Amino acid sequence: MLADATVQMLQHHWEDGWNRGDIDTIMVPFATDVVFSSPGISMLTGDPAKTTSEGHAALRAYIEDALRRRS
């Protein structure tokens, strides 16, 4: 279980980054070996079986694409 302060910090980075369209703010908490799961991955890739992104570079590319699409 994560401490409340950690959860709040993660929430801040995610929300603030998305609201400002700032990929660097979003990516700060993620480790280089991150494994990120989201149903949005299959929507963006067009592959219904793909729901995870592995590694910092892959997650960054996924989020950058999502930020571009929301504009």
N, C-alpha and C. Protein backbone atom coordinates (compact mmCIF):
# COMPACT_ATOMS: atom_id res chain seq x y z
N MET A 1 0.86 -1.17 0.00
CA MET A 1 0.00 0.00 0.00
C MET A 1 0.90 1.23 0.00
N LEU A 2 0.54 2.19 -0.83
CA LEU A 2 1.29 3.44 -0.89
C LEU A 2 0.82 4.41 0.18
N ALA A 3 1.74 5.19 0.69
CA ALA A 3 1.40 6.22 1.67
C ALA A 3 0.56 7.30 0.99
N ASP A 4 -0.30 7.96 1.73
CA ASP A 4 -1.16 9.01 1.19
C ASP A 4 -0.35 10.10 0.49
N ALA A 5 0.79 10.48 1.07
CA ALA A 5 1.61 11.53 0.48
C ALA A 5 2.15 11.09 -0.89
N THR A 6 2.49 9.83 -1.03
CA THR A 6 2.98 9.32 -2.30
C THR A 6 1.87 9.32 -3.34
N VAL A 7 0.69 8.90 -2.95
CA VAL A 7 -0.45 8.89 -3.86
C VAL A 7 -0.76 10.32 -4.32
N GLN A 8 -0.73 11.27 -3.41
CA GLN A 8 -1.01 12.66 -3.76
C GLN A 8 0.04 13.21 -4.71
N MET A 9 1.31 12.86 -4.50
CA MET A 9 2.38 13.31 -5.37
C MET A 9 2.19 12.74 -6.78
N LEU A 10 1.87 11.46 -6.88
CA LEU A 10 1.65 10.83 -8.17
C LEU A 10 0.44 11.45 -8.88
N GLN A 11 -0.61 11.67 -8.13
CA GLN A 11 -1.80 12.30 -8.68
C GLN A 11 -1.49 13.70 -9.20
N HIS A 12 -0.70 14.45 -8.46
CA HIS A 12 -0.32 15.80 -8.87
C HIS A 12 0.43 15.77 -10.20
N HIS A 13 1.43 14.90 -10.31
CA HIS A 13 2.21 14.83 -11.54
C HIS A 13 1.31 14.47 -12.72
N TRP A 14 0.44 13.50 -12.54
CA TRP A 14 -0.43 13.04 -13.62
C TRP A 14 -1.40 14.14 -14.03
N GLU A 15 -2.14 14.70 -13.07
CA GLU A 15 -3.15 15.70 -13.39
C GLU A 15 -2.54 17.00 -13.91
N ASP A 16 -1.50 17.48 -13.24
CA ASP A 16 -0.87 18.72 -13.64
C ASP A 16 -0.26 18.58 -15.04
N GLY A 17 0.41 17.46 -15.27
CA GLY A 17 1.01 17.23 -16.57
C GLY A 17 -0.03 17.18 -17.68
N TRP A 18 -1.12 16.45 -17.46
CA TRP A 18 -2.16 16.37 -18.49
C TRP A 18 -2.82 17.73 -18.70
N ASN A 19 -3.11 18.43 -17.63
CA ASN A 19 -3.77 19.73 -17.76
C ASN A 19 -2.91 20.74 -18.52
N ARG A 20 -1.61 20.66 -18.37
CA ARG A 20 -0.70 21.59 -19.05
C ARG A 20 -0.14 21.01 -20.34
N GLY A 21 -0.44 19.75 -20.62
CA GLY A 21 0.13 19.11 -21.81
C GLY A 21 1.64 18.96 -21.69
N ASP A 22 2.12 18.71 -20.47
CA ASP A 22 3.55 18.67 -20.17
C ASP A 22 4.01 17.23 -19.95
N ILE A 23 4.59 16.64 -20.98
CA ILE A 23 5.02 15.25 -20.91
C ILE A 23 6.08 15.03 -19.84
N ASP A 24 6.97 15.99 -19.64
CA ASP A 24 8.03 15.82 -18.64
C ASP A 24 7.46 15.70 -17.23
N THR A 25 6.44 16.50 -16.92
CA THR A 25 5.81 16.43 -15.59
C THR A 25 5.13 15.07 -15.40
N ILE A 26 4.46 14.60 -16.44
CA ILE A 26 3.78 13.30 -16.35
C ILE A 26 4.79 12.18 -16.11
N MET A 27 5.92 12.24 -16.78
CA MET A 27 6.88 11.13 -16.77
C MET A 27 7.79 11.08 -15.54
N VAL A 28 7.88 12.15 -14.78
CA VAL A 28 8.81 12.20 -13.63
C VAL A 28 8.73 10.98 -12.71
N PRO A 29 7.56 10.55 -12.28
CA PRO A 29 7.52 9.45 -11.31
C PRO A 29 7.84 8.06 -11.87
N PHE A 30 7.89 7.90 -13.18
CA PHE A 30 8.00 6.57 -13.76
C PHE A 30 9.45 6.11 -13.87
N ALA A 31 9.70 4.87 -13.47
CA ALA A 31 11.02 4.25 -13.56
C ALA A 31 11.30 3.85 -15.00
N THR A 32 12.57 3.62 -15.31
CA THR A 32 12.95 3.25 -16.67
C THR A 32 12.34 1.91 -17.09
N ASP A 33 12.07 1.04 -16.13
CA ASP A 33 11.52 -0.28 -16.46
C ASP A 33 10.02 -0.37 -16.19
N VAL A 34 9.33 0.74 -16.26
CA VAL A 34 7.90 0.80 -15.99
C VAL A 34 7.12 -0.15 -16.91
N VAL A 35 6.10 -0.76 -16.34
CA VAL A 35 5.11 -1.52 -17.11
C VAL A 35 3.78 -0.85 -16.80
N PHE A 36 3.19 -0.24 -17.79
CA PHE A 36 1.99 0.57 -17.64
C PHE A 36 0.84 -0.10 -18.38
N SER A 37 -0.29 -0.26 -17.71
CA SER A 37 -1.47 -0.89 -18.32
C SER A 37 -2.59 0.12 -18.45
N SER A 38 -3.24 0.11 -19.61
CA SER A 38 -4.37 0.99 -19.85
C SER A 38 -5.16 0.48 -21.05
N PRO A 39 -6.49 0.53 -20.97
CA PRO A 39 -7.27 0.16 -22.15
C PRO A 39 -7.05 1.15 -23.29
N GLY A 40 -6.57 2.35 -22.98
CA GLY A 40 -6.30 3.34 -24.01
C GLY A 40 -5.18 2.92 -24.94
N ILE A 41 -4.29 2.06 -24.49
CA ILE A 41 -3.18 1.61 -25.34
C ILE A 41 -3.72 0.86 -26.55
N SER A 42 -4.70 0.00 -26.34
CA SER A 42 -5.27 -0.73 -27.48
C SER A 42 -6.01 0.21 -28.42
N MET A 43 -6.63 1.25 -27.89
CA MET A 43 -7.32 2.21 -28.74
C MET A 43 -6.33 2.98 -29.62
N LEU A 44 -5.20 3.37 -29.05
CA LEU A 44 -4.22 4.14 -29.81
C LEU A 44 -3.42 3.28 -30.78
N THR A 45 -3.18 2.02 -30.42
CA THR A 45 -2.37 1.16 -31.29
C THR A 45 -3.22 0.44 -32.33
N GLY A 46 -4.53 0.33 -32.07
CA GLY A 46 -5.39 -0.41 -32.96
C GLY A 46 -5.33 -1.91 -32.75
N ASP A 47 -4.58 -2.34 -31.74
CA ASP A 47 -4.43 -3.76 -31.43
C ASP A 47 -5.20 -4.06 -30.14
N PRO A 48 -6.37 -4.70 -30.23
CA PRO A 48 -7.18 -4.94 -29.04
C PRO A 48 -6.49 -5.81 -27.99
N ALA A 49 -5.49 -6.57 -28.38
CA ALA A 49 -4.79 -7.43 -27.42
C ALA A 49 -3.70 -6.69 -26.66
N LYS A 50 -3.31 -5.51 -27.15
CA LYS A 50 -2.21 -4.77 -26.52
C LYS A 50 -2.78 -3.78 -25.52
N THR A 51 -2.54 -4.05 -24.24
CA THR A 51 -3.03 -3.15 -23.19
C THR A 51 -1.92 -2.68 -22.26
N THR A 52 -0.67 -3.05 -22.56
CA THR A 52 0.44 -2.61 -21.72
C THR A 52 1.52 -1.95 -22.56
N SER A 53 2.25 -1.08 -21.90
CA SER A 53 3.40 -0.42 -22.47
C SER A 53 4.57 -0.73 -21.55
N GLU A 54 5.68 -1.19 -22.12
CA GLU A 54 6.82 -1.59 -21.29
C GLU A 54 8.02 -0.70 -21.57
N GLY A 55 8.54 -0.10 -20.50
CA GLY A 55 9.72 0.75 -20.60
C GLY A 55 9.35 2.23 -20.68
N HIS A 56 10.26 3.05 -20.19
CA HIS A 56 10.06 4.50 -20.11
C HIS A 56 9.84 5.11 -21.50
N ALA A 57 10.66 4.72 -22.47
CA ALA A 57 10.55 5.30 -23.82
C ALA A 57 9.21 4.95 -24.46
N ALA A 58 8.76 3.72 -24.30
CA ALA A 58 7.48 3.30 -24.88
C ALA A 58 6.31 4.03 -24.21
N LEU A 59 6.37 4.18 -22.89
CA LEU A 59 5.31 4.90 -22.19
C LEU A 59 5.30 6.36 -22.61
N ARG A 60 6.47 6.96 -22.71
CA ARG A 60 6.55 8.36 -23.13
C ARG A 60 5.94 8.53 -24.53
N ALA A 61 6.25 7.64 -25.45
CA ALA A 61 5.69 7.73 -26.80
C ALA A 61 4.17 7.59 -26.77
N TYR A 62 3.67 6.67 -25.97
CA TYR A 62 2.23 6.47 -25.83
C TYR A 62 1.56 7.73 -25.31
N ILE A 63 2.11 8.32 -24.25
CA ILE A 63 1.50 9.51 -23.66
C ILE A 63 1.63 10.71 -24.59
N GLU A 64 2.75 10.86 -25.27
CA GLU A 64 2.90 11.95 -26.24
C GLU A 64 1.83 11.83 -27.33
N ASP A 65 1.60 10.61 -27.81
CA ASP A 65 0.57 10.39 -28.82
C ASP A 65 -0.80 10.75 -28.28
N ALA A 66 -1.08 10.34 -27.06
CA ALA A 66 -2.37 10.65 -26.44
C ALA A 66 -2.54 12.16 -26.25
N LEU A 67 -1.49 12.86 -25.87
CA LEU A 67 -1.56 14.32 -25.71
C LEU A 67 -1.83 14.99 -27.05
N ARG A 68 -1.18 14.52 -28.12
CA ARG A 68 -1.42 15.09 -29.45
C ARG A 68 -2.87 14.88 -29.88
N ARG A 69 -3.41 13.72 -29.61
CA ARG A 69 -4.76 13.38 -30.05
C ARG A 69 -5.83 14.16 -29.29
N ARG A 70 -5.53 14.57 -28.08
CA ARG A 70 -6.55 15.28 -27.31
C ARG A 70 -6.69 16.73 -27.71
N SER A 71 -5.73 17.24 -28.44
CA SER A 71 -5.76 18.66 -28.83
C SER A 71 -6.76 18.92 -29.94
